[in-house]
Amino acid sequence: MTVPLQEARDSLLERAAAYVRSRLHGAGAQAAEALVRVYWERVAAQDLVGRDPVDLAGAALAHLHLAERRLPGTARVRVYTPAFDDHGWASTHSVVEVVVDDMPFLLDSLSMELVRQGCGLHLVVHPVVAVSRDADGHLLGIGAGPGGGGVSPGIWEAFVHLEIDRQPPGERLEALRADLLAVLDDVRAAVEDWPAMRAQAAGLAAELQERPPPGDAQDAAEARDFLRFLADDHFVFLGFRDYDLVHDSAGPGGPGCPPESPGARGCPPESPGARGCPPEGMCSGRSPGRASGSCATTPTATRPPRPAASPGSRPSCATRHRPACRSS
């Protein structure tokens, strides 16, 4: 008689939990078993059945070890090829482990960076776990994720496990880790800056409504509606700057990245276009005088700026985008 796939999966996870109980004792065992259960909870049965329960337990325990200490606002990343003697579990693939504050954009940003570097993805595990930590970032307890029991969810943390093509040891693994940390830095920048820039776009739309500039009223209304559209979760803003628009022999215009207005995350005068700032001349205004420009993103498959998508909702994921600048 064939055992239904779901029953086989449940039996496998119970054996993994039993293995943890046989190896660990005390408070640490309780946290470890809680993580093992939430770790694989949303993974499809066909991706688990056939695996060794020791490897399922060992993968979760290795990730728990990475998460033992983490301060808010930082990311822990490890890239390695697990071997049983060294890590307590084994895999035919190399593995990326991440522990970070739960944010939008995480999963797709990490996945796209790995794909960009030629790393095929074989398994993606992404539980969001409720944890408690002390003031120094030491792990005190593990909950069951959003909507679950366990400790009081003072912190939601993303535990990301990505199995990729087997990689050569040494410098290659370290380079991947460094690049993934850079991706996570960009994700955090986009998430933290987004609300202020969205509010600025809404403020510009209100200004156009209350004090429209001289000229074609239809143009002003179109710009106002476009800004409202952007602010309504249709774009993610990666930078905001003011522009001085001046008349010259060619008509009104202005510098694309003026030195006195470097942008939200820094667009140094010597490198216009950095960190999402458009190259010189990309933005233009409709009338002379002081105008405000804001940079938003539209989907593309290119590299930096890395993250994008609306940060207002789960799941935590991102796509790469190219800046598209509009000015009113």
C-alpha atoms as a PDB file:
ATOM      1  CA  MET A   1       0.000   0.000   0.000  1.00  0.00           C
ATOM      2  CA  THR A   2       1.350   3.399  -1.002  1.00  0.00           C
ATOM      3  CA  VAL A   3       1.624   5.952   1.819  1.00  0.00           C
ATOM      4  CA  PRO A   4       0.045   9.287   0.791  1.00  0.00           C
ATOM      5  CA  LEU A   5       2.630  11.973   0.157  1.00  0.00           C
ATOM      6  CA  GLN A   6       1.435  14.229   2.969  1.00  0.00           C
ATOM      7  CA  GLU A   7       1.531  11.402   5.491  1.00  0.00           C
ATOM      8  CA  ALA A   8       5.070  10.550   4.440  1.00  0.00           C
ATOM      9  CA  ARG A   9       6.041  14.199   4.867  1.00  0.00           C
ATOM     10  CA  ASP A  10       4.501  14.416   8.352  1.00  0.00           C
ATOM     11  CA  SER A  11       6.231  11.197   9.412  1.00  0.00           C
ATOM     12  CA  LEU A  12       9.552  12.527   8.112  1.00  0.00           C
ATOM     13  CA  LEU A  13       9.235  15.753  10.109  1.00  0.00           C
ATOM     14  CA  GLU A  14       8.282  13.839  13.263  1.00  0.00           C
ATOM     15  CA  ARG A  15      11.426  11.741  12.895  1.00  0.00           C
ATOM     16  CA  ALA A  16      13.468  14.912  12.426  1.00  0.00           C
ATOM     17  CA  ALA A  17      11.964  16.385  15.610  1.00  0.00           C
ATOM     18  CA  ALA A  18      12.628  13.130  17.470  1.00  0.00           C
ATOM     19  CA  TYR A  19      16.254  13.257  16.344  1.00  0.00           C
ATOM     20  CA  VAL A  20      16.579  16.749  17.836  1.00  0.00           C
ATOM     21  CA  ARG A  21      15.104  15.563  21.131  1.00  0.00           C
ATOM     22  CA  SER A  22      17.562  12.670  21.207  1.00  0.00           C
ATOM     23  CA  ARG A  23      20.550  14.955  20.678  1.00  0.00           C
ATOM     24  CA  LEU A  24      19.679  18.029  22.743  1.00  0.00           C
ATOM     25  CA  HIS A  25      18.263  18.620  26.212  1.00  0.00           C
ATOM     26  CA  GLY A  26      16.961  21.520  28.263  1.00  0.00           C
ATOM     27  CA  ALA A  27      15.820  24.919  27.010  1.00  0.00           C
ATOM     28  CA  GLY A  28      18.007  24.655  23.929  1.00  0.00           C
ATOM     29  CA  ALA A  29      16.236  21.491  22.851  1.00  0.00           C
ATOM     30  CA  GLN A  30      12.853  23.186  23.076  1.00  0.00           C
ATOM     31  CA  ALA A  31      13.963  26.088  20.868  1.00  0.00           C
ATOM     32  CA  ALA A  32      15.605  23.712  18.401  1.00  0.00           C
ATOM     33  CA  GLU A  33      12.530  21.530  18.040  1.00  0.00           C
ATOM     34  CA  ALA A  34      10.327  24.601  17.606  1.00  0.00           C
ATOM     35  CA  LEU A  35      12.562  25.812  14.785  1.00  0.00           C
ATOM     36  CA  VAL A  36      12.668  22.399  13.068  1.00  0.00           C
ATOM     37  CA  ARG A  37       8.874  22.353  12.933  1.00  0.00           C
ATOM     38  CA  VAL A  38       8.425  25.901  11.634  1.00  0.00           C
ATOM     39  CA  TYR A  39      11.462  25.647   9.358  1.00  0.00           C
ATOM     40  CA  TRP A  40       9.976  23.012   7.043  1.00  0.00           C
ATOM     41  CA  GLU A  41       6.312  23.779   7.682  1.00  0.00           C
ATOM     42  CA  ARG A  42       5.538  25.396   4.318  1.00  0.00           C
ATOM     43  CA  VAL A  43       7.852  23.309   2.140  1.00  0.00           C
ATOM     44  CA  ALA A  44       5.972  21.121  -0.338  1.00  0.00           C
ATOM     45  CA  ALA A  45       5.846  17.413   0.470  1.00  0.00           C
ATOM     46  CA  GLN A  46       7.448  16.460  -2.852  1.00  0.00           C
ATOM     47  CA  ASP A  47      10.495  18.581  -1.930  1.00  0.00           C
ATOM     48  CA  LEU A  48      10.963  16.787   1.391  1.00  0.00           C
ATOM     49  CA  VAL A  49       9.987  13.149   0.938  1.00  0.00           C
ATOM     50  CA  GLY A  50      13.071  11.066   0.257  1.00  0.00           C
ATOM     51  CA  ARG A  51      15.360  13.229   2.368  1.00  0.00           C
ATOM     52  CA  ASP A  52      17.056  11.917   5.471  1.00  0.00           C
ATOM     53  CA  PRO A  53      15.392  13.189   8.678  1.00  0.00           C
ATOM     54  CA  VAL A  54      18.892  13.701  10.109  1.00  0.00           C
ATOM     55  CA  ASP A  55      19.620  16.146   7.283  1.00  0.00           C
ATOM     56  CA  LEU A  56      16.344  18.015   7.856  1.00  0.00           C
ATOM     57  CA  ALA A  57      17.116  18.340  11.549  1.00  0.00           C
ATOM     58  CA  GLY A  58      20.755  19.202  10.899  1.00  0.00           C
ATOM     59  CA  ALA A  59      19.932  21.949   8.398  1.00  0.00           C
ATOM     60  CA  ALA A  60      17.579  23.647  10.856  1.00  0.00           C
ATOM     61  CA  LEU A  61      20.068  23.289  13.718  1.00  0.00           C
ATOM     62  CA  ALA A  62      22.872  24.754  11.609  1.00  0.00           C
ATOM     63  CA  HIS A  63      20.653  27.730  10.825  1.00  0.00           C
ATOM     64  CA  LEU A  64      19.797  28.063  14.503  1.00  0.00           C
ATOM     65  CA  HIS A  65      23.504  28.222  15.293  1.00  0.00           C
ATOM     66  CA  LEU A  66      23.888  31.093  12.793  1.00  0.00           C
ATOM     67  CA  ALA A  67      20.989  32.890  14.510  1.00  0.00           C
ATOM     68  CA  GLU A  68      22.365  32.591  18.062  1.00  0.00           C
ATOM     69  CA  ARG A  69      23.395  36.252  18.107  1.00  0.00           C
ATOM     70  CA  ARG A  70      22.163  39.026  15.844  1.00  0.00           C
ATOM     71  CA  LEU A  71      21.610  42.702  16.554  1.00  0.00           C
ATOM     72  CA  PRO A  72      18.589  44.480  15.040  1.00  0.00           C
ATOM     73  CA  GLY A  73      19.354  46.114  11.724  1.00  0.00           C
ATOM     74  CA  THR A  74      22.065  43.607  10.815  1.00  0.00           C
ATOM     75  CA  ALA A  75      22.116  40.472   8.686  1.00  0.00           C
ATOM     76  CA  ARG A  76      23.825  37.149   9.300  1.00  0.00           C
ATOM     77  CA  VAL A  77      24.807  35.284   6.124  1.00  0.00           C
ATOM     78  CA  ARG A  78      26.663  32.020   5.653  1.00  0.00           C
ATOM     79  CA  VAL A  79      27.488  30.261   2.370  1.00  0.00           C
ATOM     80  CA  TYR A  80      28.903  26.744   2.654  1.00  0.00           C
ATOM     81  CA  THR A  81      28.743  23.182   1.392  1.00  0.00           C
ATOM     82  CA  PRO A  82      27.502  21.072   4.309  1.00  0.00           C
ATOM     83  CA  ALA A  83      29.335  17.903   5.294  1.00  0.00           C
ATOM     84  CA  PHE A  84      28.104  15.711   8.128  1.00  0.00           C
ATOM     85  CA  ASP A  85      31.380  15.640  10.056  1.00  0.00           C
ATOM     86  CA  ASP A  86      31.691  19.436   9.984  1.00  0.00           C
ATOM     87  CA  HIS A  87      28.078  20.659  10.072  1.00  0.00           C
ATOM     88  CA  GLY A  88      25.914  17.801  11.354  1.00  0.00           C
ATOM     89  CA  TRP A  89      24.182  17.287   8.027  1.00  0.00           C
ATOM     90  CA  ALA A  90      25.063  16.797   4.384  1.00  0.00           C
ATOM     91  CA  SER A  91      23.834  17.891   0.980  1.00  0.00           C
ATOM     92  CA  THR A  92      24.841  17.475  -2.638  1.00  0.00           C
ATOM     93  CA  HIS A  93      24.367  21.255  -2.997  1.00  0.00           C
ATOM     94  CA  SER A  94      25.945  24.342  -1.509  1.00  0.00           C
ATOM     95  CA  VAL A  95      23.723  26.288   0.855  1.00  0.00           C
ATOM     96  CA  VAL A  96      23.018  29.942   1.622  1.00  0.00           C
ATOM     97  CA  GLU A  97      21.680  30.713   5.094  1.00  0.00           C
ATOM     98  CA  VAL A  98      20.396  34.162   6.034  1.00  0.00           C
ATOM     99  CA  VAL A  99      18.999  35.546   9.278  1.00  0.00           C
ATOM    100  CA  VAL A 100      17.685  39.095   9.017  1.00  0.00           C
ATOM    101  CA  ASP A 101      14.830  41.330  10.136  1.00  0.00           C
ATOM    102  CA  ASP A 102      11.737  40.383   8.185  1.00  0.00           C
ATOM    103  CA  MET A 103      11.349  42.841   5.314  1.00  0.00           C
ATOM    104  CA  PRO A 104       9.793  42.944   1.884  1.00  0.00           C
ATOM    105  CA  PHE A 105      12.021  42.238  -1.114  1.00  0.00           C
ATOM    106  CA  LEU A 106      14.221  39.644   0.562  1.00  0.00           C
ATOM    107  CA  LEU A 107      13.608  36.426  -1.282  1.00  0.00           C
ATOM    108  CA  ASP A 108      13.555  37.641  -4.870  1.00  0.00           C
ATOM    109  CA  SER A 109      16.521  39.951  -4.278  1.00  0.00           C
ATOM    110  CA  LEU A 110      18.650  37.108  -2.940  1.00  0.00           C
ATOM    111  CA  SER A 111      17.458  34.678  -5.606  1.00  0.00           C
ATOM    112  CA  MET A 112      18.128  37.096  -8.440  1.00  0.00           C
ATOM    113  CA  GLU A 113      21.633  37.823  -7.203  1.00  0.00           C
ATOM    114  CA  LEU A 114      22.401  34.118  -7.105  1.00  0.00           C
ATOM    115  CA  VAL A 115      20.963  33.586 -10.574  1.00  0.00           C
ATOM    116  CA  ARG A 116      22.945  36.576 -11.833  1.00  0.00           C
ATOM    117  CA  GLN A 117      26.074  34.828 -10.603  1.00  0.00           C
ATOM    118  CA  GLY A 118      25.153  31.604 -12.377  1.00  0.00           C
ATOM    119  CA  CYS A 119      23.992  29.682  -9.294  1.00  0.00           C
ATOM    120  CA  GLY A 120      21.045  27.430 -10.054  1.00  0.00           C
ATOM    121  CA  LEU A 121      18.423  27.247  -7.277  1.00  0.00           C
ATOM    122  CA  HIS A 122      17.321  23.809  -6.106  1.00  0.00           C
ATOM    123  CA  LEU A 123      15.350  24.546  -2.941  1.00  0.00           C
ATOM    124  CA  VAL A 124      14.056  27.724  -1.298  1.00  0.00           C
ATOM    125  CA  VAL A 125      12.942  27.710   2.339  1.00  0.00           C
ATOM    126  CA  HIS A 126      11.781  30.981   3.884  1.00  0.00           C
ATOM    127  CA  PRO A 127      10.091  30.762   7.272  1.00  0.00           C
ATOM    128  CA  VAL A 128       9.348  34.006   9.123  1.00  0.00           C
ATOM    129  CA  VAL A 129       9.946  33.225  12.778  1.00  0.00           C
ATOM    130  CA  ALA A 130       8.974  34.997  15.982  1.00  0.00           C
ATOM    131  CA  VAL A 131      12.040  35.280  18.188  1.00  0.00           C
ATOM    132  CA  SER A 132      13.003  36.934  21.437  1.00  0.00           C
ATOM    133  CA  ARG A 133      16.498  38.289  22.083  1.00  0.00           C
ATOM    134  CA  ASP A 134      18.252  40.074  24.904  1.00  0.00           C
ATOM    135  CA  ALA A 135      19.747  43.557  24.602  1.00  0.00           C
ATOM    136  CA  ASP A 136      22.979  42.104  23.200  1.00  0.00           C
ATOM    137  CA  GLY A 137      21.154  40.165  20.474  1.00  0.00           C
ATOM    138  CA  HIS A 138      21.461  36.716  22.038  1.00  0.00           C
ATOM    139  CA  LEU A 139      18.632  34.367  21.116  1.00  0.00           C
ATOM    140  CA  LEU A 140      16.299  33.582  24.014  1.00  0.00           C
ATOM    141  CA  GLY A 141      13.403  31.791  22.380  1.00  0.00           C
ATOM    142  CA  ILE A 142      11.739  30.691  19.150  1.00  0.00           C
ATOM    143  CA  GLY A 143       8.077  31.102  18.280  1.00  0.00           C
ATOM    144  CA  ALA A 144       6.010  29.620  15.490  1.00  0.00           C
ATOM    145  CA  GLY A 145       5.942  32.472  12.999  1.00  0.00           C
ATOM    146  CA  PRO A 146       3.156  34.962  12.209  1.00  0.00           C
ATOM    147  CA  GLY A 147      -0.168  33.834  13.586  1.00  0.00           C
ATOM    148  CA  GLY A 148       1.437  31.057  15.629  1.00  0.00           C
ATOM    149  CA  GLY A 149       2.158  30.484  19.271  1.00  0.00           C
ATOM    150  CA  GLY A 150       5.447  30.524  21.121  1.00  0.00           C
ATOM    151  CA  VAL A 151       7.229  33.518  22.510  1.00  0.00           C
ATOM    152  CA  SER A 152       5.864  37.018  22.330  1.00  0.00           C
ATOM    153  CA  PRO A 153       6.736  38.140  18.781  1.00  0.00           C
ATOM    154  CA  GLY A 154       8.860  41.129  19.674  1.00  0.00           C
ATOM    155  CA  ILE A 155      10.943  40.478  16.562  1.00  0.00           C
ATOM    156  CA  TRP A 156       9.988  38.861  13.273  1.00  0.00           C
ATOM    157  CA  GLU A 157      13.044  37.415  11.617  1.00  0.00           C
ATOM    158  CA  ALA A 158      13.402  35.834   8.202  1.00  0.00           C
ATOM    159  CA  PHE A 159      15.340  32.575   8.110  1.00  0.00           C
ATOM    160  CA  VAL A 160      16.212  32.073   4.435  1.00  0.00           C
ATOM    161  CA  HIS A 161      17.663  28.752   3.276  1.00  0.00           C
ATOM    162  CA  LEU A 162      18.662  28.478  -0.389  1.00  0.00           C
ATOM    163  CA  GLU A 163      20.176  25.346  -1.886  1.00  0.00           C
ATOM    164  CA  ILE A 164      22.254  26.179  -4.959  1.00  0.00           C
ATOM    165  CA  ASP A 165      24.610  24.462  -7.391  1.00  0.00           C
ATOM    166  CA  ARG A 166      27.607  23.037  -5.585  1.00  0.00           C
ATOM    167  CA  GLN A 167      30.316  25.715  -5.412  1.00  0.00           C
ATOM    168  CA  PRO A 168      34.092  25.432  -5.112  1.00  0.00           C
ATOM    169  CA  PRO A 169      35.349  26.121  -1.576  1.00  0.00           C
ATOM    170  CA  GLY A 170      37.293  29.160  -0.463  1.00  0.00           C
ATOM    171  CA  GLU A 171      37.161  32.493  -2.276  1.00  0.00           C
ATOM    172  CA  ARG A 172      34.056  31.694  -4.304  1.00  0.00           C
ATOM    173  CA  LEU A 173      31.958  31.114  -1.192  1.00  0.00           C
ATOM    174  CA  GLU A 174      33.311  34.246   0.482  1.00  0.00           C
ATOM    175  CA  ALA A 175      32.617  36.347  -2.623  1.00  0.00           C
ATOM    176  CA  LEU A 176      29.025  35.093  -2.772  1.00  0.00           C
ATOM    177  CA  ARG A 177      28.554  35.946   0.896  1.00  0.00           C
ATOM    178  CA  ALA A 178      29.880  39.484   0.410  1.00  0.00           C
ATOM    179  CA  ASP A 179      27.622  40.097  -2.599  1.00  0.00           C
ATOM    180  CA  LEU A 180      24.559  38.804  -0.770  1.00  0.00           C
ATOM    181  CA  LEU A 181      25.297  41.074   2.183  1.00  0.00           C
ATOM    182  CA  ALA A 182      25.446  44.008  -0.260  1.00  0.00           C
ATOM    183  CA  VAL A 183      22.056  42.979  -1.660  1.00  0.00           C
ATOM    184  CA  LEU A 184      20.582  42.935   1.838  1.00  0.00           C
ATOM    185  CA  ASP A 185      22.002  46.392   2.530  1.00  0.00           C
ATOM    186  CA  ASP A 186      20.230  47.699  -0.574  1.00  0.00           C
ATOM    187  CA  VAL A 187      16.993  46.012   0.443  1.00  0.00           C
ATOM    188  CA  ARG A 188      17.136  47.652   3.854  1.00  0.00           C
ATOM    189  CA  ALA A 189      17.873  51.055   2.299  1.00  0.00           C
ATOM    190  CA  ALA A 190      14.883  50.794  -0.020  1.00  0.00           C
ATOM    191  CA  VAL A 191      12.546  49.668   2.761  1.00  0.00           C
ATOM    192  CA  GLU A 192      13.647  52.309   5.275  1.00  0.00           C
ATOM    193  CA  ASP A 193      13.670  55.220   2.809  1.00  0.00           C
ATOM    194  CA  TRP A 194      10.495  54.350   0.947  1.00  0.00           C
ATOM    195  CA  PRO A 195       7.868  55.879   3.305  1.00  0.00           C
ATOM    196  CA  ALA A 196       9.560  59.310   3.400  1.00  0.00           C
ATOM    197  CA  MET A 197       9.906  59.445  -0.378  1.00  0.00           C
ATOM    198  CA  ARG A 198       6.349  58.262  -0.907  1.00  0.00           C
ATOM    199  CA  ALA A 199       5.161  61.023   1.412  1.00  0.00           C
ATOM    200  CA  GLN A 200       7.192  63.533  -0.574  1.00  0.00           C
ATOM    201  CA  ALA A 201       5.484  62.447  -3.812  1.00  0.00           C
ATOM    202  CA  ALA A 202       2.085  62.803  -2.180  1.00  0.00           C
ATOM    203  CA  GLY A 203       3.085  66.262  -0.939  1.00  0.00           C
ATOM    204  CA  LEU A 204       4.120  67.327  -4.430  1.00  0.00           C
ATOM    205  CA  ALA A 205       0.779  66.155  -5.795  1.00  0.00           C
ATOM    206  CA  ALA A 206      -1.025  68.215  -3.149  1.00  0.00           C
ATOM    207  CA  GLU A 207       1.118  71.237  -4.009  1.00  0.00           C
ATOM    208  CA  LEU A 208       0.189  70.915  -7.677  1.00  0.00           C
ATOM    209  CA  GLN A 209      -3.465  70.753  -6.654  1.00  0.00           C
ATOM    210  CA  GLU A 210      -3.333  73.790  -4.388  1.00  0.00           C
ATOM    211  CA  ARG A 211      -0.760  75.958  -6.190  1.00  0.00           C
ATOM    212  CA  PRO A 212      -0.459  74.855  -9.808  1.00  0.00           C
ATOM    213  CA  PRO A 213       2.438  76.435 -11.727  1.00  0.00           C
ATOM    214  CA  PRO A 214       1.794  78.894 -14.536  1.00  0.00           C
ATOM    215  CA  GLY A 215       1.174  77.324 -17.901  1.00  0.00           C
ATOM    216  CA  ASP A 216      -1.074  74.609 -19.219  1.00  0.00           C
ATOM    217  CA  ALA A 217      -3.523  73.538 -16.486  1.00  0.00           C
ATOM    218  CA  GLN A 218      -3.947  70.147 -18.146  1.00  0.00           C
ATOM    219  CA  ASP A 219      -0.219  69.467 -17.897  1.00  0.00           C
ATOM    220  CA  ALA A 220      -0.244  70.303 -14.185  1.00  0.00           C
ATOM    221  CA  ALA A 221      -3.251  68.036 -13.614  1.00  0.00           C
ATOM    222  CA  GLU A 222      -1.537  65.226 -15.499  1.00  0.00           C
ATOM    223  CA  ALA A 223       1.614  65.581 -13.382  1.00  0.00           C
ATOM    224  CA  ARG A 224      -0.465  65.663 -10.191  1.00  0.00           C
ATOM    225  CA  ASP A 225      -2.361  62.496 -11.149  1.00  0.00           C
ATOM    226  CA  PHE A 226       0.859  60.764 -12.134  1.00  0.00           C
ATOM    227  CA  LEU A 227       2.445  61.523  -8.757  1.00  0.00           C
ATOM    228  CA  ARG A 228      -0.639  60.182  -7.001  1.00  0.00           C
ATOM    229  CA  PHE A 229      -0.415  57.058  -9.139  1.00  0.00           C
ATOM    230  CA  LEU A 230       3.225  56.576  -8.150  1.00  0.00           C
ATOM    231  CA  ALA A 231       2.459  57.022  -4.464  1.00  0.00           C
ATOM    232  CA  ASP A 232      -0.372  54.487  -4.630  1.00  0.00           C
ATOM    233  CA  ASP A 233       2.059  51.536  -4.498  1.00  0.00           C
ATOM    234  CA  HIS A 234       2.678  51.468  -8.247  1.00  0.00           C
ATOM    235  CA  PHE A 235       6.351  52.439  -7.926  1.00  0.00           C
ATOM    236  CA  VAL A 236       9.041  52.156  -5.306  1.00  0.00           C
ATOM    237  CA  PHE A 237      11.048  55.337  -4.892  1.00  0.00           C
ATOM    238  CA  LEU A 238      14.812  54.917  -4.726  1.00  0.00           C
ATOM    239  CA  GLY A 239      15.813  58.572  -4.503  1.00  0.00           C
ATOM    240  CA  PHE A 240      14.483  62.111  -4.221  1.00  0.00           C
ATOM    241  CA  ARG A 241      16.186  65.398  -5.165  1.00  0.00           C
ATOM    242  CA  ASP A 242      15.337  69.013  -5.934  1.00  0.00           C
ATOM    243  CA  TYR A 243      16.311  70.562  -9.252  1.00  0.00           C
ATOM    244  CA  ASP A 244      17.058  74.161 -10.207  1.00  0.00           C
ATOM    245  CA  LEU A 245      15.580  74.634 -13.669  1.00  0.00           C
ATOM    246  CA  VAL A 246      17.091  77.560 -15.542  1.00  0.00           C
ATOM    247  CA  HIS A 247      16.734  79.090 -18.989  1.00  0.00           C
ATOM    248  CA  ASP A 248      19.586  78.972 -21.428  1.00  0.00           C
ATOM    249  CA  SER A 249      19.847  79.280 -25.191  1.00  0.00           C
ATOM    250  CA  ALA A 250      18.418  75.785 -25.584  1.00  0.00           C
ATOM    251  CA  GLY A 251      15.443  76.454 -23.321  1.00  0.00           C
ATOM    252  CA  PRO A 252      14.636  75.385 -19.762  1.00  0.00           C
ATOM    253  CA  GLY A 253      16.690  72.595 -18.273  1.00  0.00           C
ATOM    254  CA  GLY A 254      18.752  71.603 -15.288  1.00  0.00           C
ATOM    255  CA  PRO A 255      21.509  69.350 -14.032  1.00  0.00           C
ATOM    256  CA  GLY A 256      20.614  65.695 -13.577  1.00  0.00           C
ATOM    257  CA  CYS A 257      22.551  65.189 -10.346  1.00  0.00           C
ATOM    258  CA  PRO A 258      23.655  68.571  -8.986  1.00  0.00           C
ATOM    259  CA  PRO A 259      26.483  68.531  -6.435  1.00  0.00           C
ATOM    260  CA  GLU A 260      24.433  70.519  -3.936  1.00  0.00           C
ATOM    261  CA  SER A 261      21.620  67.986  -4.011  1.00  0.00           C
ATOM    262  CA  PRO A 262      23.145  64.537  -3.682  1.00  0.00           C
ATOM    263  CA  GLY A 263      20.007  62.443  -3.149  1.00  0.00           C
ATOM    264  CA  ALA A 264      18.603  60.276  -0.423  1.00  0.00           C
ATOM    265  CA  ARG A 265      21.362  57.672  -0.335  1.00  0.00           C
ATOM    266  CA  GLY A 266      24.217  59.669  -1.736  1.00  0.00           C
ATOM    267  CA  CYS A 267      24.870  60.448  -5.386  1.00  0.00           C
ATOM    268  CA  PRO A 268      28.334  61.979  -5.319  1.00  0.00           C
ATOM    269  CA  PRO A 269      29.058  64.676  -7.893  1.00  0.00           C
ATOM    270  CA  GLU A 270      31.760  62.592  -9.496  1.00  0.00           C
ATOM    271  CA  SER A 271      29.426  59.650 -10.152  1.00  0.00           C
ATOM    272  CA  PRO A 272      25.989  60.720 -11.378  1.00  0.00           C
ATOM    273  CA  GLY A 273      23.708  57.766 -11.674  1.00  0.00           C
ATOM    274  CA  ALA A 274      24.975  55.986  -8.562  1.00  0.00           C
ATOM    275  CA  ARG A 275      22.536  54.304  -6.170  1.00  0.00           C
ATOM    276  CA  GLY A 276      19.518  54.976  -8.344  1.00  0.00           C
ATOM    277  CA  CYS A 277      20.230  58.619  -9.264  1.00  0.00           C
ATOM    278  CA  PRO A 278      19.613  59.062 -12.977  1.00  0.00           C
ATOM    279  CA  PRO A 279      22.401  60.222 -15.264  1.00  0.00           C
ATOM    280  CA  GLU A 280      22.589  63.878 -16.130  1.00  0.00           C
ATOM    281  CA  GLY A 281      19.807  65.106 -18.338  1.00  0.00           C
ATOM    282  CA  MET A 282      17.352  62.275 -17.646  1.00  0.00           C
ATOM    283  CA  CYS A 283      14.916  64.538 -15.790  1.00  0.00           C
ATOM    284  CA  SER A 284      13.339  67.716 -17.070  1.00  0.00           C
ATOM    285  CA  GLY A 285      10.684  70.141 -15.898  1.00  0.00           C
ATOM    286  CA  ARG A 286       7.761  71.830 -17.592  1.00  0.00           C
ATOM    287  CA  SER A 287       8.434  75.372 -16.470  1.00  0.00           C
ATOM    288  CA  PRO A 288      11.413  77.462 -15.331  1.00  0.00           C
ATOM    289  CA  GLY A 289      12.017  78.033 -11.646  1.00  0.00           C
ATOM    290  CA  ARG A 290      12.353  75.635  -8.735  1.00  0.00           C
ATOM    291  CA  ALA A 291      10.968  72.179  -9.385  1.00  0.00           C
ATOM    292  CA  SER A 292      11.156  68.907  -7.548  1.00  0.00           C
ATOM    293  CA  GLY A 293      12.138  65.613  -9.121  1.00  0.00           C
ATOM    294  CA  SER A 294      11.668  62.137  -7.728  1.00  0.00           C
ATOM    295  CA  CYS A 295      13.032  58.836  -8.946  1.00  0.00           C
ATOM    296  CA  ALA A 296      10.916  55.718  -9.114  1.00  0.00           C
ATOM    297  CA  THR A 297      11.429  52.240 -10.462  1.00  0.00           C
ATOM    298  CA  THR A 298       9.998  50.151 -13.254  1.00  0.00           C
ATOM    299  CA  PRO A 299      10.650  46.424 -13.702  1.00  0.00           C
ATOM    300  CA  THR A 300      13.670  45.231 -15.634  1.00  0.00           C
ATOM    301  CA  ALA A 301      16.127  42.379 -15.418  1.00  0.00           C
ATOM    302  CA  THR A 302      19.185  44.549 -14.947  1.00  0.00           C
ATOM    303  CA  ARG A 303      21.490  44.833 -11.913  1.00  0.00           C
ATOM    304  CA  PRO A 304      21.553  47.808  -9.464  1.00  0.00           C
ATOM    305  CA  PRO A 305      19.606  49.321  -8.012  1.00  0.00           C
ATOM    306  CA  ARG A 306      18.739  45.858  -6.694  1.00  0.00           C
ATOM    307  CA  PRO A 307      15.441  45.780  -4.769  1.00  0.00           C
ATOM    308  CA  ALA A 308      12.021  46.895  -5.805  1.00  0.00           C
ATOM    309  CA  ALA A 309       8.300  46.166  -5.453  1.00  0.00           C
ATOM    310  CA  SER A 310       5.814  47.553  -3.043  1.00  0.00           C
ATOM    311  CA  PRO A 311       7.154  47.290   0.533  1.00  0.00           C
ATOM    312  CA  GLY A 312       3.738  47.498   2.107  1.00  0.00           C
ATOM    313  CA  SER A 313       2.863  43.806   2.222  1.00  0.00           C
ATOM    314  CA  ARG A 314       4.155  40.261   2.470  1.00  0.00           C
ATOM    315  CA  PRO A 315       5.599  38.046   1.103  1.00  0.00           C
ATOM    316  CA  SER A 316       9.108  39.328   1.478  1.00  0.00           C
ATOM    317  CA  CYS A 317      10.425  39.500  -2.022  1.00  0.00           C
ATOM    318  CA  ALA A 318      11.946  41.855  -4.549  1.00  0.00           C
ATOM    319  CA  THR A 319      12.845  42.329  -8.164  1.00  0.00           C
ATOM    320  CA  ARG A 320      15.586  44.313  -9.807  1.00  0.00           C
ATOM    321  CA  HIS A 321      14.545  47.596 -11.311  1.00  0.00           C
ATOM    322  CA  ARG A 322      15.846  50.449 -13.400  1.00  0.00           C
ATOM    323  CA  PRO A 323      15.271  54.066 -12.307  1.00  0.00           C
ATOM    324  CA  ALA A 324      12.675  55.996 -14.255  1.00  0.00           C
ATOM    325  CA  CYS A 325      12.610  59.667 -13.302  1.00  0.00           C
ATOM    326  CA  ARG A 326       9.729  62.072 -13.592  1.00  0.00           C
ATOM    327  CA  SER A 327       9.618  65.719 -12.539  1.00  0.00           C
ATOM    328  CA  SER A 328       6.748  68.090 -12.089  1.00  0.00           C
END
